[in-house]
Amino acid sequence: MNRLIQYLLSHLILDFQGDLTLDMVREFLREDNSRDARALLARLVEERGVEDMMVALADCLQEHIPSGITPDALQEQIRLYAES
């Protein structure tokens, strides 16, 4: 059973449900003047959308699945994406 669980965890695909748009991100970050929020918004504007961010987050968060995807883990991955 453990081998099956390890296999399933290592082959699990993370995807996001919904229709997140650049305008939605702008609205979510409207009152956030943090450096991370500004960097993320600048990166998304440069890329003209959120599609690349969503793919990168899904890939990077894959390693957190066994221990759980926490808000802190998600924030860290978004910060790393914005800075890359």
C-alpha atoms as a PDB file:
ATOM      1  CA  MET A   1       0.000   0.000   0.000  1.00  0.00           C
ATOM      2  CA  ASN A   2       2.844   2.420   0.820  1.00  0.00           C
ATOM      3  CA  ARG A   3       4.388   1.983  -2.607  1.00  0.00           C
ATOM      4  CA  LEU A   4       1.043   2.692  -4.247  1.00  0.00           C
ATOM      5  CA  ILE A   5       0.588   5.835  -2.155  1.00  0.00           C
ATOM      6  CA  GLN A   6       4.095   7.041  -3.014  1.00  0.00           C
ATOM      7  CA  TYR A   7       3.432   6.420  -6.699  1.00  0.00           C
ATOM      8  CA  LEU A   8       0.135   8.312  -6.593  1.00  0.00           C
ATOM      9  CA  LEU A   9       1.684  11.233  -4.718  1.00  0.00           C
ATOM     10  CA  SER A  10       4.572  11.488  -7.154  1.00  0.00           C
ATOM     11  CA  HIS A  11       2.231  11.404 -10.168  1.00  0.00           C
ATOM     12  CA  LEU A  12      -0.483  13.681  -8.833  1.00  0.00           C
ATOM     13  CA  ILE A  13      -1.166  16.690 -11.018  1.00  0.00           C
ATOM     14  CA  LEU A  14      -2.106  19.988  -9.452  1.00  0.00           C
ATOM     15  CA  ASP A  15      -4.422  22.252 -11.396  1.00  0.00           C
ATOM     16  CA  PHE A  16      -6.403  25.372 -10.581  1.00  0.00           C
ATOM     17  CA  GLN A  17     -10.119  25.585 -11.127  1.00  0.00           C
ATOM     18  CA  GLY A  18     -11.499  28.929 -12.135  1.00  0.00           C
ATOM     19  CA  ASP A  19     -10.959  31.746 -14.518  1.00  0.00           C
ATOM     20  CA  LEU A  20      -8.387  33.966 -12.872  1.00  0.00           C
ATOM     21  CA  THR A  21      -7.645  37.020 -14.988  1.00  0.00           C
ATOM     22  CA  LEU A  22      -5.150  39.836 -14.771  1.00  0.00           C
ATOM     23  CA  ASP A  23      -8.005  42.187 -13.864  1.00  0.00           C
ATOM     24  CA  MET A  24      -9.003  39.908 -10.982  1.00  0.00           C
ATOM     25  CA  VAL A  25      -5.416  39.872  -9.697  1.00  0.00           C
ATOM     26  CA  ARG A  26      -5.330  43.664  -9.894  1.00  0.00           C
ATOM     27  CA  GLU A  27      -8.500  43.804  -7.808  1.00  0.00           C
ATOM     28  CA  PHE A  28      -7.155  41.324  -5.250  1.00  0.00           C
ATOM     29  CA  LEU A  29      -3.956  43.349  -4.900  1.00  0.00           C
ATOM     30  CA  ARG A  30      -5.583  46.787  -5.085  1.00  0.00           C
ATOM     31  CA  GLU A  31      -5.007  47.618  -1.419  1.00  0.00           C
ATOM     32  CA  ASP A  32      -1.768  45.669  -1.037  1.00  0.00           C
ATOM     33  CA  ASN A  33       1.202  48.010  -1.345  1.00  0.00           C
ATOM     34  CA  SER A  34       3.788  45.390  -0.403  1.00  0.00           C
ATOM     35  CA  ARG A  35       6.912  44.875  -2.458  1.00  0.00           C
ATOM     36  CA  ASP A  36       5.783  41.325  -3.292  1.00  0.00           C
ATOM     37  CA  ALA A  37       2.406  42.496  -4.588  1.00  0.00           C
ATOM     38  CA  ARG A  38       3.990  45.192  -6.760  1.00  0.00           C
ATOM     39  CA  ALA A  39       6.572  42.753  -8.134  1.00  0.00           C
ATOM     40  CA  LEU A  40       3.930  40.162  -8.947  1.00  0.00           C
ATOM     41  CA  LEU A  41       1.685  42.655 -10.684  1.00  0.00           C
ATOM     42  CA  ALA A  42       4.607  44.028 -12.704  1.00  0.00           C
ATOM     43  CA  ARG A  43       5.552  40.514 -13.806  1.00  0.00           C
ATOM     44  CA  LEU A  44       1.981  39.646 -14.791  1.00  0.00           C
ATOM     45  CA  VAL A  45       1.571  42.878 -16.749  1.00  0.00           C
ATOM     46  CA  GLU A  46       4.850  42.181 -18.538  1.00  0.00           C
ATOM     47  CA  GLU A  47       3.610  38.688 -19.419  1.00  0.00           C
ATOM     48  CA  ARG A  48       0.164  40.023 -20.346  1.00  0.00           C
ATOM     49  CA  GLY A  49      -1.739  37.541 -18.231  1.00  0.00           C
ATOM     50  CA  VAL A  50      -1.714  34.963 -15.483  1.00  0.00           C
ATOM     51  CA  GLU A  51      -1.403  31.747 -17.484  1.00  0.00           C
ATOM     52  CA  ASP A  52       2.373  31.346 -17.050  1.00  0.00           C
ATOM     53  CA  MET A  53       2.072  32.053 -13.315  1.00  0.00           C
ATOM     54  CA  MET A  54      -0.626  29.420 -12.902  1.00  0.00           C
ATOM     55  CA  VAL A  55       1.451  26.761 -14.671  1.00  0.00           C
ATOM     56  CA  ALA A  56       4.573  27.655 -12.674  1.00  0.00           C
ATOM     57  CA  LEU A  57       2.678  27.576  -9.379  1.00  0.00           C
ATOM     58  CA  ALA A  58       1.143  24.205 -10.149  1.00  0.00           C
ATOM     59  CA  ASP A  59       4.589  22.804 -10.951  1.00  0.00           C
ATOM     60  CA  CYS A  60       6.313  24.316  -7.908  1.00  0.00           C
ATOM     61  CA  LEU A  61       3.574  23.404  -5.443  1.00  0.00           C
ATOM     62  CA  GLN A  62       3.767  19.763  -6.518  1.00  0.00           C
ATOM     63  CA  GLU A  63       6.535  19.145  -3.973  1.00  0.00           C
ATOM     64  CA  HIS A  64       4.303  20.404  -1.154  1.00  0.00           C
ATOM     65  CA  ILE A  65       1.491  17.930  -1.777  1.00  0.00           C
ATOM     66  CA  PRO A  66       2.708  15.230   0.656  1.00  0.00           C
ATOM     67  CA  SER A  67       3.092  17.695   3.524  1.00  0.00           C
ATOM     68  CA  GLY A  68       0.263  20.000   2.532  1.00  0.00           C
ATOM     69  CA  ILE A  69      -0.023  23.178   0.536  1.00  0.00           C
ATOM     70  CA  THR A  70      -0.211  25.947   3.090  1.00  0.00           C
ATOM     71  CA  PRO A  71      -0.840  29.654   2.592  1.00  0.00           C
ATOM     72  CA  ASP A  72       2.820  30.265   3.521  1.00  0.00           C
ATOM     73  CA  ALA A  73       4.033  27.799   0.884  1.00  0.00           C
ATOM     74  CA  LEU A  74       1.812  29.409  -1.735  1.00  0.00           C
ATOM     75  CA  GLN A  75       2.974  32.915  -0.792  1.00  0.00           C
ATOM     76  CA  GLU A  76       6.612  31.842  -1.015  1.00  0.00           C
ATOM     77  CA  GLN A  77       6.115  30.322  -4.465  1.00  0.00           C
ATOM     78  CA  ILE A  78       4.309  33.439  -5.729  1.00  0.00           C
ATOM     79  CA  ARG A  79       7.149  35.607  -4.389  1.00  0.00           C
ATOM     80  CA  LEU A  80       9.752  33.419  -6.097  1.00  0.00           C
ATOM     81  CA  TYR A  81       7.784  33.531  -9.343  1.00  0.00           C
ATOM     82  CA  ALA A  82       7.516  37.312  -9.256  1.00  0.00           C
ATOM     83  CA  GLU A  83      11.249  37.676  -8.639  1.00  0.00           C
ATOM     84  CA  SER A  84      12.385  35.219 -11.286  1.00  0.00           C
END
